[in-house]
């Protein structure tokens, strides 16, 4: 059902936690399945230097949160804004169709954190 990459990111999630002095925080959720994702950013000179996440949800939700943090670190704000939920799923070698809209909210959470960063630094 799940790819090896999904299982790896679920079993060994990267960048779990919270950034105490984050300068961008975003949270999204899906009421129909209960998944909630919170992303914390540390941005310096328009580059995402660190990303952490906290996710309440299924294995796919945890895996997509983990993957999006790896995809975002080192990117500019503009580069991170073009990341999509579909790109995250593709980086994980796919998700089951039932998990695409329910559990794959990671890029949305990242975009909310960037929006929060921009509001605080405009």
Protein backbone atom coordinates (compact mmCIF):
# COMPACT_ATOMS: atom_id res chain seq x y z
CA UNK A 1 0.00 0.00 0.00
CA UNK A 2 2.74 2.49 0.96
CA UNK A 3 6.06 2.96 -0.85
CA UNK A 4 9.38 2.28 0.83
CA UNK A 5 10.05 6.04 1.02
CA UNK A 6 6.73 6.68 2.77
CA UNK A 7 7.48 3.92 5.27
CA UNK A 8 11.00 5.27 5.85
CA UNK A 9 9.77 8.82 6.52
CA UNK A 10 7.00 7.47 8.76
CA UNK A 11 9.34 5.18 10.73
CA UNK A 12 12.25 7.65 10.82
CA UNK A 13 10.76 11.13 10.43
CA UNK A 14 13.21 13.93 9.82
CA UNK A 15 13.10 17.35 11.47
CA UNK A 16 10.48 16.55 14.10
CA UNK A 17 10.00 19.15 16.79
CA UNK A 18 9.61 22.83 17.29
CA UNK A 19 11.87 25.82 16.64
CA UNK A 20 11.68 28.01 19.75
CA UNK A 21 12.68 31.21 17.93
CA UNK A 22 10.88 30.42 14.67
CA UNK A 23 10.19 33.42 12.48
CA UNK A 24 7.39 31.66 10.62
CA UNK A 25 4.76 29.18 11.84
CA UNK A 26 1.94 27.62 9.85
CA UNK A 27 -0.77 25.15 10.77
CA UNK A 28 -3.30 23.33 8.62
CA UNK A 29 -5.73 20.54 9.24
CA UNK A 30 -8.30 18.36 7.56
CA UNK A 31 -11.48 18.03 9.62
CA UNK A 32 -12.68 14.98 7.70
CA UNK A 33 -9.76 12.79 8.77
CA UNK A 34 -8.31 14.66 11.74
CA UNK A 35 -4.79 15.25 10.39
CA UNK A 36 -3.16 18.42 11.76
CA UNK A 37 0.26 19.69 10.67
CA UNK A 38 2.28 22.51 12.16
CA UNK A 39 5.45 23.76 10.46
CA UNK A 40 8.10 25.99 12.06
CA UNK A 41 10.58 27.98 9.94
CA UNK A 42 13.87 29.70 10.61
CA UNK A 43 14.60 32.04 7.70
CA UNK A 44 17.82 34.03 7.28
CA UNK A 45 18.56 36.26 4.29
CA UNK A 46 15.52 34.87 2.44
CA UNK A 47 16.86 31.28 2.78
CA UNK A 48 15.07 28.63 4.84
CA UNK A 49 17.82 27.55 7.22
CA UNK A 50 15.76 25.20 9.39
CA UNK A 51 12.31 23.59 9.34
CA UNK A 52 10.66 21.48 12.02
CA UNK A 53 7.21 19.93 12.19
CA UNK A 54 4.66 18.54 14.58
CA UNK A 55 1.95 16.36 13.05
CA UNK A 56 -1.03 14.61 14.50
CA UNK A 57 -2.24 12.09 11.98
CA UNK A 58 -1.71 8.87 10.09
CA UNK A 59 1.52 7.51 8.65
CA UNK A 60 1.05 9.35 5.36
CA UNK A 61 0.59 12.66 7.20
CA UNK A 62 3.80 12.12 9.15
CA UNK A 63 5.72 11.03 6.04
CA UNK A 64 4.60 14.02 3.97
CA UNK A 65 5.48 16.40 6.82
CA UNK A 66 8.93 14.86 7.08
CA UNK A 67 9.50 15.01 3.32
CA UNK A 68 8.43 18.64 2.94
CA UNK A 69 10.92 19.71 5.59
CA UNK A 70 13.72 18.04 3.66
CA UNK A 71 12.54 19.65 0.44
CA UNK A 72 12.35 23.15 1.97
CA UNK A 73 15.67 23.41 3.82
CA UNK A 74 18.16 25.48 1.82
CA UNK A 75 15.58 26.92 -0.55
CA UNK A 76 14.66 30.56 -0.91
CA UNK A 77 11.19 31.64 0.18
CA UNK A 78 10.19 31.93 -3.49
CA UNK A 79 11.46 28.43 -4.31
CA UNK A 80 9.62 26.95 -1.32
CA UNK A 81 6.37 28.67 -2.31
CA UNK A 82 6.21 26.69 -5.55
CA UNK A 83 6.41 23.33 -3.77
CA UNK A 84 3.08 21.55 -4.09
CA UNK A 85 1.41 18.70 -2.26
CA UNK A 86 1.72 16.74 -5.51
CA UNK A 87 5.49 17.34 -5.57
CA UNK A 88 5.74 16.06 -2.00
CA UNK A 89 3.79 12.91 -2.90
CA UNK A 90 5.99 12.42 -5.98
CA UNK A 91 9.14 12.76 -3.85
CA UNK A 92 7.77 9.92 -1.71
CA UNK A 93 7.23 7.80 -4.85
CA UNK A 94 3.49 8.25 -4.54
CA UNK A 95 0.67 7.94 -2.03
CA UNK A 96 -2.48 5.84 -2.17
CA UNK A 97 -5.30 7.84 -3.82
CA UNK A 98 -7.30 7.94 -0.58
CA UNK A 99 -4.40 9.70 1.16
CA UNK A 100 -3.69 12.38 -1.44
CA UNK A 101 -6.17 14.98 -0.22
CA UNK A 102 -6.68 13.78 3.34
CA UNK A 103 -3.11 13.39 4.55
CA UNK A 104 -1.01 15.33 2.07
CA UNK A 105 -1.30 18.82 3.50
CA UNK A 106 2.42 19.35 4.05
CA UNK A 107 3.04 21.95 1.33
CA UNK A 108 -0.05 23.84 2.52
CA UNK A 109 1.42 23.98 6.04
CA UNK A 110 4.74 25.17 4.61
CA UNK A 111 2.97 27.89 2.62
CA UNK A 112 1.11 29.02 5.77
CA UNK A 113 4.42 29.25 7.64
CA UNK A 114 5.90 31.34 4.81
CA UNK A 115 2.82 33.58 4.84
CA UNK A 116 3.28 34.04 8.59
CA UNK A 117 7.00 34.83 8.06
CA UNK A 118 6.17 37.44 5.42
CA UNK A 119 3.52 39.06 7.65
CA UNK A 120 6.04 39.37 10.47
CA UNK A 121 8.84 40.67 8.24
CA UNK A 122 7.13 43.04 5.81
